[in-house]
Amino acid sequence: MEFRLDEKDRAILSELRRDGSLSEKKLAQKTGIAMTTVHHRLVRLKREGVITQYTVRLNFAKIGQPITAYVLVKAAPQADQKKLMEYLAKLPNIFEVAMVTGEFDLLCKARVSSMEALNSLIVRHLRKQKAVNETRTMISYETVELSGMG
């Protein structure tokens, strides 16, 4: 069942997407919503599964992973795509795996320290899997991360 967000929910969530560490008091100040209302909304949003966790946004260049690549993976005809997805998600440089429509089956987001590291990830880990039929890699030049509800 779909959970309906109102303007207050959207304002709270928008601020949390910008900075998940905001206190209820700060959220109330930034949104102009009473602190008790913010508290009750957060409790409800968590209970309903809208907010599943709080996390941090890292500057990957500062921690030695300045290259972001998207790798399209075409599974072998008899491959179990779900198992392949789970395997890929466990690789240390893979940050996201999505099952997609189109010519390819999976889309992986990878962050690596160098082109050599990317080559190693693709050649040694992805292409050696019997479940992988083909890969296609795209390197991101620049990314703008959205922090609002958009």
Protein backbone atom coordinates (compact mmCIF):
# COMPACT_ATOMS: atom_id res chain seq x y z
CA MET A 1 0.00 0.00 0.00
CA GLU A 2 1.31 3.42 -0.95
CA PHE A 3 2.02 5.85 1.86
CA ARG A 4 0.75 9.38 1.16
CA LEU A 5 3.13 12.22 1.97
CA ASP A 6 1.83 15.69 2.74
CA GLU A 7 3.77 18.96 2.54
CA LYS A 8 5.08 18.66 6.11
CA ASP A 9 6.36 15.13 5.47
CA ARG A 10 8.01 16.30 2.24
CA ALA A 11 9.67 19.25 3.98
CA ILE A 12 11.05 17.02 6.75
CA LEU A 13 12.29 14.39 4.29
CA SER A 14 13.84 17.00 2.03
CA GLU A 15 15.89 18.41 4.91
CA LEU A 16 16.92 14.93 6.04
CA ARG A 17 18.10 14.05 2.53
CA ARG A 18 20.36 17.12 2.67
CA ASP A 19 21.64 16.26 6.15
CA GLY A 20 20.55 13.06 7.88
CA SER A 21 22.21 14.10 11.13
CA LEU A 22 19.82 16.99 11.83
CA SER A 23 18.23 16.91 15.27
CA GLU A 24 14.47 17.22 15.65
CA LYS A 25 15.02 20.76 16.95
CA LYS A 26 17.05 21.73 13.85
CA LEU A 27 14.48 20.07 11.57
CA ALA A 28 11.74 22.11 13.25
CA GLN A 29 13.74 25.33 12.75
CA LYS A 30 14.56 24.62 9.10
CA THR A 31 11.05 23.56 8.14
CA GLY A 32 9.03 25.92 10.34
CA ILE A 33 7.15 22.93 11.75
CA ALA A 34 6.62 22.56 15.51
CA MET A 35 9.15 20.26 17.18
CA THR A 36 6.50 17.91 18.59
CA THR A 37 4.97 17.62 15.12
CA VAL A 38 8.41 16.84 13.65
CA HIS A 39 8.92 14.17 16.32
CA HIS A 40 5.53 12.52 15.66
CA ARG A 41 6.07 12.67 11.90
CA LEU A 42 9.49 11.02 12.19
CA VAL A 43 8.08 8.25 14.37
CA ARG A 44 5.29 7.66 11.83
CA LEU A 45 7.63 7.81 8.82
CA LYS A 46 9.89 5.20 10.45
CA ARG A 47 6.99 2.99 11.53
CA GLU A 48 5.50 3.06 8.02
CA GLY A 49 8.85 2.16 6.45
CA VAL A 50 9.28 5.46 4.60
CA ILE A 51 12.50 6.14 6.51
CA THR A 52 14.47 2.92 6.62
CA GLN A 53 17.82 4.20 7.86
CA TYR A 54 20.01 7.25 8.31
CA THR A 55 23.28 7.28 6.44
CA VAL A 56 26.21 9.46 5.40
CA ARG A 57 27.27 10.78 2.02
CA LEU A 58 30.98 10.26 1.42
CA ASN A 59 33.44 12.22 -0.67
CA PHE A 60 34.89 9.22 -2.47
CA ALA A 61 37.78 11.19 -3.98
CA LYS A 62 39.00 11.99 -0.45
CA ILE A 63 39.05 8.30 0.47
CA GLY A 64 40.91 7.18 -2.64
CA GLN A 65 38.04 6.21 -4.95
CA PRO A 66 37.72 9.15 -7.34
CA ILE A 67 36.46 7.15 -10.34
CA THR A 68 32.77 6.26 -10.67
CA ALA A 69 31.86 3.74 -13.34
CA TYR A 70 28.57 2.20 -14.38
CA VAL A 71 28.88 -1.36 -15.64
CA LEU A 72 26.09 -2.94 -17.64
CA VAL A 73 26.05 -6.72 -17.28
CA LYS A 74 24.34 -9.15 -19.63
CA ALA A 75 23.68 -12.43 -17.86
CA ALA A 76 24.29 -15.76 -19.57
CA PRO A 77 21.06 -17.33 -20.90
CA GLN A 78 20.72 -19.91 -18.10
CA ALA A 79 22.06 -17.69 -15.30
CA ASP A 80 20.16 -17.02 -12.11
CA GLN A 81 20.08 -13.22 -12.28
CA LYS A 82 19.09 -12.86 -8.63
CA LYS A 83 22.14 -14.87 -7.49
CA LEU A 84 24.38 -12.93 -9.86
CA MET A 85 22.99 -9.69 -8.44
CA GLU A 86 23.74 -10.85 -4.89
CA TYR A 87 27.30 -11.88 -5.88
CA LEU A 88 27.99 -8.53 -7.54
CA ALA A 89 26.58 -6.58 -4.59
CA LYS A 90 29.15 -8.25 -2.32
CA LEU A 91 32.16 -7.13 -4.36
CA PRO A 92 34.09 -4.45 -2.46
CA ASN A 93 34.00 -1.75 -5.15
CA ILE A 94 30.37 -2.23 -6.16
CA PHE A 95 28.07 0.24 -4.44
CA GLU A 96 24.77 -0.52 -6.12
CA VAL A 97 23.29 -3.19 -8.38
CA ALA A 98 19.97 -2.82 -10.18
CA MET A 99 18.05 -5.26 -12.36
CA VAL A 100 17.12 -3.28 -15.49
CA THR A 101 15.16 -3.60 -18.70
CA GLY A 102 16.68 -3.47 -22.15
CA GLU A 103 19.60 -5.17 -23.84
CA PHE A 104 21.44 -5.73 -20.54
CA ASP A 105 20.15 -7.31 -17.35
CA LEU A 106 22.00 -5.58 -14.53
CA LEU A 107 23.50 -2.16 -13.88
CA CYS A 108 26.32 -1.85 -11.35
CA LYS A 109 27.69 1.34 -9.85
CA ALA A 110 31.37 0.98 -9.02
CA ARG A 111 33.82 3.31 -7.32
CA VAL A 112 37.51 2.66 -7.80
CA SER A 113 40.91 4.21 -7.16
CA SER A 114 42.24 3.95 -10.72
CA MET A 115 41.60 2.68 -14.23
CA GLU A 116 43.76 -0.32 -13.34
CA ALA A 117 41.48 -1.10 -10.39
CA LEU A 118 38.43 -0.79 -12.64
CA ASN A 119 40.03 -3.11 -15.19
CA SER A 120 40.76 -5.63 -12.44
CA LEU A 121 37.20 -5.49 -11.16
CA ILE A 122 35.77 -6.11 -14.61
CA VAL A 123 38.27 -8.64 -15.95
CA ARG A 124 39.00 -10.63 -12.77
CA HIS A 125 35.65 -10.52 -11.02
CA LEU A 126 32.86 -9.83 -13.47
CA ARG A 127 33.90 -11.42 -16.75
CA LYS A 128 35.24 -14.56 -15.09
CA GLN A 129 31.79 -15.42 -13.80
CA LYS A 130 30.07 -18.09 -15.90
CA ALA A 131 26.82 -16.24 -15.26
CA VAL A 132 28.17 -13.15 -17.06
CA ASN A 133 27.86 -13.13 -20.82
CA GLU A 134 28.95 -9.54 -21.58
CA THR A 135 29.77 -6.26 -19.90
CA ARG A 136 29.78 -2.66 -21.05
CA THR A 137 31.38 0.07 -18.96
CA MET A 138 30.71 3.80 -18.80
CA ILE A 139 32.83 6.16 -16.74
CA SER A 140 31.22 9.17 -15.11
CA TYR A 141 32.94 12.51 -15.71
CA GLU A 142 30.83 14.37 -13.19
CA THR A 143 27.87 13.72 -10.91
CA VAL A 144 25.33 15.99 -9.30
CA GLU A 145 23.70 14.33 -6.32
CA LEU A 146 20.16 15.36 -5.58
CA SER A 147 19.43 16.09 -1.97
CA GLY A 148 15.81 17.19 -2.13
CA MET A 149 12.70 15.16 -2.76
CA GLY A 150 13.04 15.56 -6.56
